[in-house]
Amino acid sequence: MDTFELLKSRRAIRNYENKPVEKEKIERLLEAATWAPNDRMREPWGFYVVQEEAKSRYERLAKEYLEERFPTKPHLVESSLKVVSTTPVIIIVTSDIVEGDEEATGDNEYAVCCAIHSMWLAAKDLGLGFVWRTRGVGLVRDRRLHEFIGSPNHKKIIGTVYLGYPDQESLEKMKPSKRTPFSDKTTWL
């Protein structure tokens, strides 16, 4: 598949088969991430792979967070937790904070976003479904997720990746993706 077809066919996959993801494939995604462009070759990314017992702890954390955030929406809490429990692999992705250098810290965040996108494209190539979450069950802005990964002072959480083999029935129901033409968003100077 050429690059443009890969980019156009990339989708956020939220429903997965009940099938574990091989460690070799997870490692290939992490390797893809490390080839992302990054300022001054700082390689500012960190990855926390959540599986098995750690995933059970993540589910409890997500439940606590969602129940606090949506106390009057138990159906939303339940459906969100179902997604967490049926996702085979969760990867929390961080960016290095450069003490006293906001610009370098910002550059690091951009690089980590590129790393996540590289993982997303590689996931498609490996036959895996992938979604990058920040809000809701992504827990990116919740202090408890930072504590969950060990509270590293020099790290900022950029995203939580949900990963697994796509549920074929859900894939078939997906609508084609649409984008605004670049010409509508481009100013030639």
C-alpha atoms as a PDB file:
ATOM      1  CA  MET A   1       0.000   0.000   0.000  1.00  0.00           C
ATOM      2  CA  ASP A   2       1.435   3.389  -0.904  1.00  0.00           C
ATOM      3  CA  THR A   3       1.748   6.170   1.650  1.00  0.00           C
ATOM      4  CA  PHE A   4      -1.310   8.117   0.491  1.00  0.00           C
ATOM      5  CA  GLU A   5      -3.533   5.037   0.593  1.00  0.00           C
ATOM      6  CA  LEU A   6      -2.208   4.209   4.054  1.00  0.00           C
ATOM      7  CA  LEU A   7      -2.959   7.723   5.298  1.00  0.00           C
ATOM      8  CA  LYS A   8      -6.441   7.733   3.770  1.00  0.00           C
ATOM      9  CA  SER A   9      -7.335   4.299   5.133  1.00  0.00           C
ATOM     10  CA  ARG A  10      -6.188   4.977   8.705  1.00  0.00           C
ATOM     11  CA  ARG A  11      -9.113   4.887  11.145  1.00  0.00           C
ATOM     12  CA  ALA A  12      -9.713   5.108  14.875  1.00  0.00           C
ATOM     13  CA  ILE A  13     -10.556   1.528  15.823  1.00  0.00           C
ATOM     14  CA  ARG A  14     -12.374   1.226  19.131  1.00  0.00           C
ATOM     15  CA  ASN A  15     -13.676  -2.350  19.032  1.00  0.00           C
ATOM     16  CA  TYR A  16     -11.377  -5.341  19.159  1.00  0.00           C
ATOM     17  CA  GLU A  17     -11.469  -9.106  18.930  1.00  0.00           C
ATOM     18  CA  ASN A  18     -10.905 -11.038  22.134  1.00  0.00           C
ATOM     19  CA  LYS A  19      -7.397 -11.976  21.036  1.00  0.00           C
ATOM     20  CA  PRO A  20      -4.053 -11.057  22.586  1.00  0.00           C
ATOM     21  CA  VAL A  21      -1.562  -8.997  20.617  1.00  0.00           C
ATOM     22  CA  GLU A  22       1.793 -10.659  20.165  1.00  0.00           C
ATOM     23  CA  LYS A  23       4.700  -9.020  22.002  1.00  0.00           C
ATOM     24  CA  GLU A  24       6.649  -8.878  18.722  1.00  0.00           C
ATOM     25  CA  LYS A  25       3.946  -6.692  17.150  1.00  0.00           C
ATOM     26  CA  ILE A  26       3.864  -4.372  20.149  1.00  0.00           C
ATOM     27  CA  GLU A  27       7.641  -4.072  19.922  1.00  0.00           C
ATOM     28  CA  ARG A  28       7.389  -3.253  16.185  1.00  0.00           C
ATOM     29  CA  LEU A  29       4.981  -0.405  16.997  1.00  0.00           C
ATOM     30  CA  LEU A  30       7.336   0.938  19.640  1.00  0.00           C
ATOM     31  CA  GLU A  31      10.198   0.715  17.163  1.00  0.00           C
ATOM     32  CA  ALA A  32       8.135   2.643  14.582  1.00  0.00           C
ATOM     33  CA  ALA A  33       7.578   5.365  17.169  1.00  0.00           C
ATOM     34  CA  THR A  34      11.311   5.801  17.720  1.00  0.00           C
ATOM     35  CA  TRP A  35      11.801   6.736  14.059  1.00  0.00           C
ATOM     36  CA  ALA A  36       9.602   9.832  14.373  1.00  0.00           C
ATOM     37  CA  PRO A  37      11.203  13.207  13.716  1.00  0.00           C
ATOM     38  CA  ASN A  38      12.366  14.943  16.867  1.00  0.00           C
ATOM     39  CA  ASP A  39      14.188  18.182  17.592  1.00  0.00           C
ATOM     40  CA  ARG A  40      17.909  17.810  18.321  1.00  0.00           C
ATOM     41  CA  MET A  41      17.509  14.036  18.471  1.00  0.00           C
ATOM     42  CA  ARG A  42      16.269  14.260  22.056  1.00  0.00           C
ATOM     43  CA  GLU A  43      14.067  11.189  21.518  1.00  0.00           C
ATOM     44  CA  PRO A  44      11.653  12.521  24.160  1.00  0.00           C
ATOM     45  CA  TRP A  45       9.172   9.639  24.246  1.00  0.00           C
ATOM     46  CA  GLY A  46       8.410   7.124  26.940  1.00  0.00           C
ATOM     47  CA  PHE A  47       6.039   4.146  26.708  1.00  0.00           C
ATOM     48  CA  TYR A  48       4.170   2.293  29.443  1.00  0.00           C
ATOM     49  CA  VAL A  49       2.640  -0.934  28.117  1.00  0.00           C
ATOM     50  CA  VAL A  50      -0.418  -1.940  30.133  1.00  0.00           C
ATOM     51  CA  GLN A  51      -1.540  -5.583  30.009  1.00  0.00           C
ATOM     52  CA  GLU A  52      -2.829  -8.346  32.281  1.00  0.00           C
ATOM     53  CA  GLU A  53      -2.769  -7.376  35.990  1.00  0.00           C
ATOM     54  CA  ALA A  54      -1.801  -3.777  35.238  1.00  0.00           C
ATOM     55  CA  LYS A  55      -4.785  -3.556  32.895  1.00  0.00           C
ATOM     56  CA  SER A  56      -7.079  -4.588  35.755  1.00  0.00           C
ATOM     57  CA  ARG A  57      -5.644  -1.745  37.831  1.00  0.00           C
ATOM     58  CA  TYR A  58      -6.122   0.645  34.894  1.00  0.00           C
ATOM     59  CA  GLU A  59      -9.771  -0.463  34.625  1.00  0.00           C
ATOM     60  CA  ARG A  60     -10.329   0.316  38.322  1.00  0.00           C
ATOM     61  CA  LEU A  61      -8.705   3.717  37.854  1.00  0.00           C
ATOM     62  CA  ALA A  62     -10.870   4.429  34.797  1.00  0.00           C
ATOM     63  CA  LYS A  63     -14.011   3.378  36.686  1.00  0.00           C
ATOM     64  CA  GLU A  64     -13.213   5.707  39.581  1.00  0.00           C
ATOM     65  CA  TYR A  65     -12.471   8.580  37.197  1.00  0.00           C
ATOM     66  CA  LEU A  66     -15.582   8.077  35.053  1.00  0.00           C
ATOM     67  CA  GLU A  67     -17.916   7.707  38.023  1.00  0.00           C
ATOM     68  CA  GLU A  68     -16.608  10.994  39.427  1.00  0.00           C
ATOM     69  CA  ARG A  69     -16.766  12.797  36.099  1.00  0.00           C
ATOM     70  CA  PHE A  70     -20.190  11.489  34.996  1.00  0.00           C
ATOM     71  CA  PRO A  71     -22.153  10.745  38.181  1.00  0.00           C
ATOM     72  CA  THR A  72     -25.523  11.182  36.429  1.00  0.00           C
ATOM     73  CA  LYS A  73     -24.613   9.158  33.326  1.00  0.00           C
ATOM     74  CA  PRO A  74     -24.191   5.528  34.411  1.00  0.00           C
ATOM     75  CA  HIS A  75     -24.810   4.289  30.853  1.00  0.00           C
ATOM     76  CA  LEU A  76     -21.848   6.358  29.583  1.00  0.00           C
ATOM     77  CA  VAL A  77     -19.663   5.044  32.398  1.00  0.00           C
ATOM     78  CA  GLU A  78     -20.681   1.453  31.641  1.00  0.00           C
ATOM     79  CA  SER A  79     -20.116   1.714  27.875  1.00  0.00           C
ATOM     80  CA  SER A  80     -16.742   3.427  28.377  1.00  0.00           C
ATOM     81  CA  LEU A  81     -15.612   0.749  30.825  1.00  0.00           C
ATOM     82  CA  LYS A  82     -16.645  -1.960  28.372  1.00  0.00           C
ATOM     83  CA  VAL A  83     -14.250  -0.446  25.840  1.00  0.00           C
ATOM     84  CA  VAL A  84     -11.439  -0.489  28.413  1.00  0.00           C
ATOM     85  CA  SER A  85     -12.103  -4.090  29.431  1.00  0.00           C
ATOM     86  CA  THR A  86     -12.237  -5.355  25.818  1.00  0.00           C
ATOM     87  CA  THR A  87      -9.066  -3.605  24.687  1.00  0.00           C
ATOM     88  CA  PRO A  88      -6.155  -6.078  24.696  1.00  0.00           C
ATOM     89  CA  VAL A  89      -3.297  -3.570  25.020  1.00  0.00           C
ATOM     90  CA  ILE A  90      -3.105  -0.047  26.383  1.00  0.00           C
ATOM     91  CA  ILE A  91       0.036   2.037  25.942  1.00  0.00           C
ATOM     92  CA  ILE A  92       0.503   5.293  27.841  1.00  0.00           C
ATOM     93  CA  VAL A  93       2.813   7.603  25.899  1.00  0.00           C
ATOM     94  CA  THR A  94       4.775  10.386  27.571  1.00  0.00           C
ATOM     95  CA  SER A  95       6.976  13.288  26.550  1.00  0.00           C
ATOM     96  CA  ASP A  96      10.046  14.560  28.367  1.00  0.00           C
ATOM     97  CA  ILE A  97       9.744  17.895  30.149  1.00  0.00           C
ATOM     98  CA  VAL A  98      12.912  19.991  29.827  1.00  0.00           C
ATOM     99  CA  GLU A  99      13.247  21.853  33.120  1.00  0.00           C
ATOM    100  CA  GLY A 100      13.365  25.603  32.528  1.00  0.00           C
ATOM    101  CA  ASP A 101      12.920  25.330  28.748  1.00  0.00           C
ATOM    102  CA  GLU A 102       9.288  25.638  27.677  1.00  0.00           C
ATOM    103  CA  GLU A 103      10.190  25.738  23.976  1.00  0.00           C
ATOM    104  CA  ALA A 104      12.150  22.482  24.113  1.00  0.00           C
ATOM    105  CA  THR A 105       9.342  20.920  26.162  1.00  0.00           C
ATOM    106  CA  GLY A 106       6.844  21.972  23.479  1.00  0.00           C
ATOM    107  CA  ASP A 107       9.081  20.614  20.714  1.00  0.00           C
ATOM    108  CA  ASN A 108       9.221  17.320  22.602  1.00  0.00           C
ATOM    109  CA  GLU A 109       5.425  17.152  22.729  1.00  0.00           C
ATOM    110  CA  TYR A 110       5.225  17.668  18.966  1.00  0.00           C
ATOM    111  CA  ALA A 111       7.755  14.888  18.432  1.00  0.00           C
ATOM    112  CA  VAL A 112       5.770  12.508  20.633  1.00  0.00           C
ATOM    113  CA  CYS A 113       2.628  13.284  18.624  1.00  0.00           C
ATOM    114  CA  CYS A 114       4.582  12.282  15.513  1.00  0.00           C
ATOM    115  CA  ALA A 115       5.705   9.103  17.293  1.00  0.00           C
ATOM    116  CA  ILE A 116       2.110   8.190  18.098  1.00  0.00           C
ATOM    117  CA  HIS A 117       1.095   8.780  14.493  1.00  0.00           C
ATOM    118  CA  SER A 118       3.982   6.592  13.314  1.00  0.00           C
ATOM    119  CA  MET A 119       2.688   3.846  15.595  1.00  0.00           C
ATOM    120  CA  TRP A 120      -0.808   4.302  14.160  1.00  0.00           C
ATOM    121  CA  LEU A 121       0.395   3.827  10.588  1.00  0.00           C
ATOM    122  CA  ALA A 122       2.522   0.840  11.573  1.00  0.00           C
ATOM    123  CA  ALA A 123      -0.482  -0.711  13.353  1.00  0.00           C
ATOM    124  CA  LYS A 124      -2.422  -0.619  10.098  1.00  0.00           C
ATOM    125  CA  ASP A 125       0.481  -2.366   8.360  1.00  0.00           C
ATOM    126  CA  LEU A 126       0.525  -5.053  11.096  1.00  0.00           C
ATOM    127  CA  GLY A 127      -3.226  -5.689  10.860  1.00  0.00           C
ATOM    128  CA  LEU A 128      -3.935  -4.038  14.207  1.00  0.00           C
ATOM    129  CA  GLY A 129      -6.586  -1.560  15.219  1.00  0.00           C
ATOM    130  CA  PHE A 130      -5.458   1.581  17.015  1.00  0.00           C
ATOM    131  CA  VAL A 131      -6.981   4.629  18.636  1.00  0.00           C
ATOM    132  CA  TRP A 132      -5.203   7.511  20.361  1.00  0.00           C
ATOM    133  CA  ARG A 133      -7.196   8.684  23.355  1.00  0.00           C
ATOM    134  CA  THR A 134      -6.732  11.799  25.409  1.00  0.00           C
ATOM    135  CA  ARG A 135     -10.122  12.559  26.959  1.00  0.00           C
ATOM    136  CA  GLY A 136     -12.487  10.260  28.832  1.00  0.00           C
ATOM    137  CA  VAL A 137     -10.987   6.804  29.326  1.00  0.00           C
ATOM    138  CA  GLY A 138      -7.667   8.116  28.002  1.00  0.00           C
ATOM    139  CA  LEU A 139      -7.259   9.750  31.438  1.00  0.00           C
ATOM    140  CA  VAL A 140      -4.458  11.945  30.077  1.00  0.00           C
ATOM    141  CA  ARG A 141      -5.266  14.953  32.241  1.00  0.00           C
ATOM    142  CA  ASP A 142      -6.033  13.031  35.411  1.00  0.00           C
ATOM    143  CA  ARG A 143      -3.327  13.018  38.104  1.00  0.00           C
ATOM    144  CA  ARG A 144      -4.142   9.383  38.931  1.00  0.00           C
ATOM    145  CA  LEU A 145      -2.818   8.225  35.571  1.00  0.00           C
ATOM    146  CA  HIS A 146       0.444  10.030  36.271  1.00  0.00           C
ATOM    147  CA  GLU A 147       0.604   8.228  39.628  1.00  0.00           C
ATOM    148  CA  PHE A 148      -0.288   4.938  37.900  1.00  0.00           C
ATOM    149  CA  ILE A 149       2.870   5.119  35.772  1.00  0.00           C
ATOM    150  CA  GLY A 150       5.044   5.996  38.764  1.00  0.00           C
ATOM    151  CA  SER A 151       4.756   9.806  38.854  1.00  0.00           C
ATOM    152  CA  PRO A 152       7.896  10.603  36.868  1.00  0.00           C
ATOM    153  CA  ASN A 153       8.483  14.337  37.448  1.00  0.00           C
ATOM    154  CA  HIS A 154      10.097  14.930  34.081  1.00  0.00           C
ATOM    155  CA  LYS A 155       7.269  13.367  31.999  1.00  0.00           C
ATOM    156  CA  LYS A 156       4.015  14.683  30.573  1.00  0.00           C
ATOM    157  CA  ILE A 157       1.372  12.233  29.381  1.00  0.00           C
ATOM    158  CA  ILE A 158       0.507  12.950  25.743  1.00  0.00           C
ATOM    159  CA  GLY A 159      -1.865  10.107  24.970  1.00  0.00           C
ATOM    160  CA  THR A 160      -3.186   6.707  25.813  1.00  0.00           C
ATOM    161  CA  VAL A 161      -3.198   4.258  22.923  1.00  0.00           C
ATOM    162  CA  TYR A 162      -5.760   1.464  22.713  1.00  0.00           C
ATOM    163  CA  LEU A 163      -4.634  -1.417  20.557  1.00  0.00           C
ATOM    164  CA  GLY A 164      -5.876  -4.792  19.363  1.00  0.00           C
ATOM    165  CA  TYR A 165      -7.093  -6.837  16.433  1.00  0.00           C
ATOM    166  CA  PRO A 166     -10.061  -5.004  14.890  1.00  0.00           C
ATOM    167  CA  ASP A 167     -13.518  -6.456  15.353  1.00  0.00           C
ATOM    168  CA  GLN A 168     -14.535  -7.236  11.752  1.00  0.00           C
ATOM    169  CA  GLU A 169     -18.229  -6.545  12.281  1.00  0.00           C
ATOM    170  CA  SER A 170     -17.451  -3.063  13.611  1.00  0.00           C
ATOM    171  CA  LEU A 171     -15.068  -2.420  10.715  1.00  0.00           C
ATOM    172  CA  GLU A 172     -17.769  -3.261   8.191  1.00  0.00           C
ATOM    173  CA  LYS A 173     -20.132  -0.742   9.808  1.00  0.00           C
ATOM    174  CA  MET A 174     -17.625   2.120   9.634  1.00  0.00           C
ATOM    175  CA  LYS A 175     -18.493   4.950   7.286  1.00  0.00           C
ATOM    176  CA  PRO A 176     -15.869   6.200   4.853  1.00  0.00           C
ATOM    177  CA  SER A 177     -13.769   8.976   6.308  1.00  0.00           C
ATOM    178  CA  LYS A 178     -14.128  12.459   4.821  1.00  0.00           C
ATOM    179  CA  ARG A 179     -11.778  15.400   4.958  1.00  0.00           C
ATOM    180  CA  THR A 180     -12.078  19.043   4.026  1.00  0.00           C
ATOM    181  CA  PRO A 181     -10.006  19.614   0.894  1.00  0.00           C
ATOM    182  CA  PHE A 182      -6.625  21.136   1.684  1.00  0.00           C
ATOM    183  CA  SER A 183      -7.460  23.964  -0.719  1.00  0.00           C
ATOM    184  CA  ASP A 184     -10.145  25.153   1.722  1.00  0.00           C
ATOM    185  CA  LYS A 185      -7.560  25.423   4.480  1.00  0.00           C
ATOM    186  CA  THR A 186      -4.544  26.689   2.567  1.00  0.00           C
ATOM    187  CA  THR A 187      -3.299  30.216   1.958  1.00  0.00           C
ATOM    188  CA  TRP A 188      -0.555  30.501  -0.635  1.00  0.00           C
ATOM    189  CA  LEU A 189       1.790  33.370   0.234  1.00  0.00           C
END
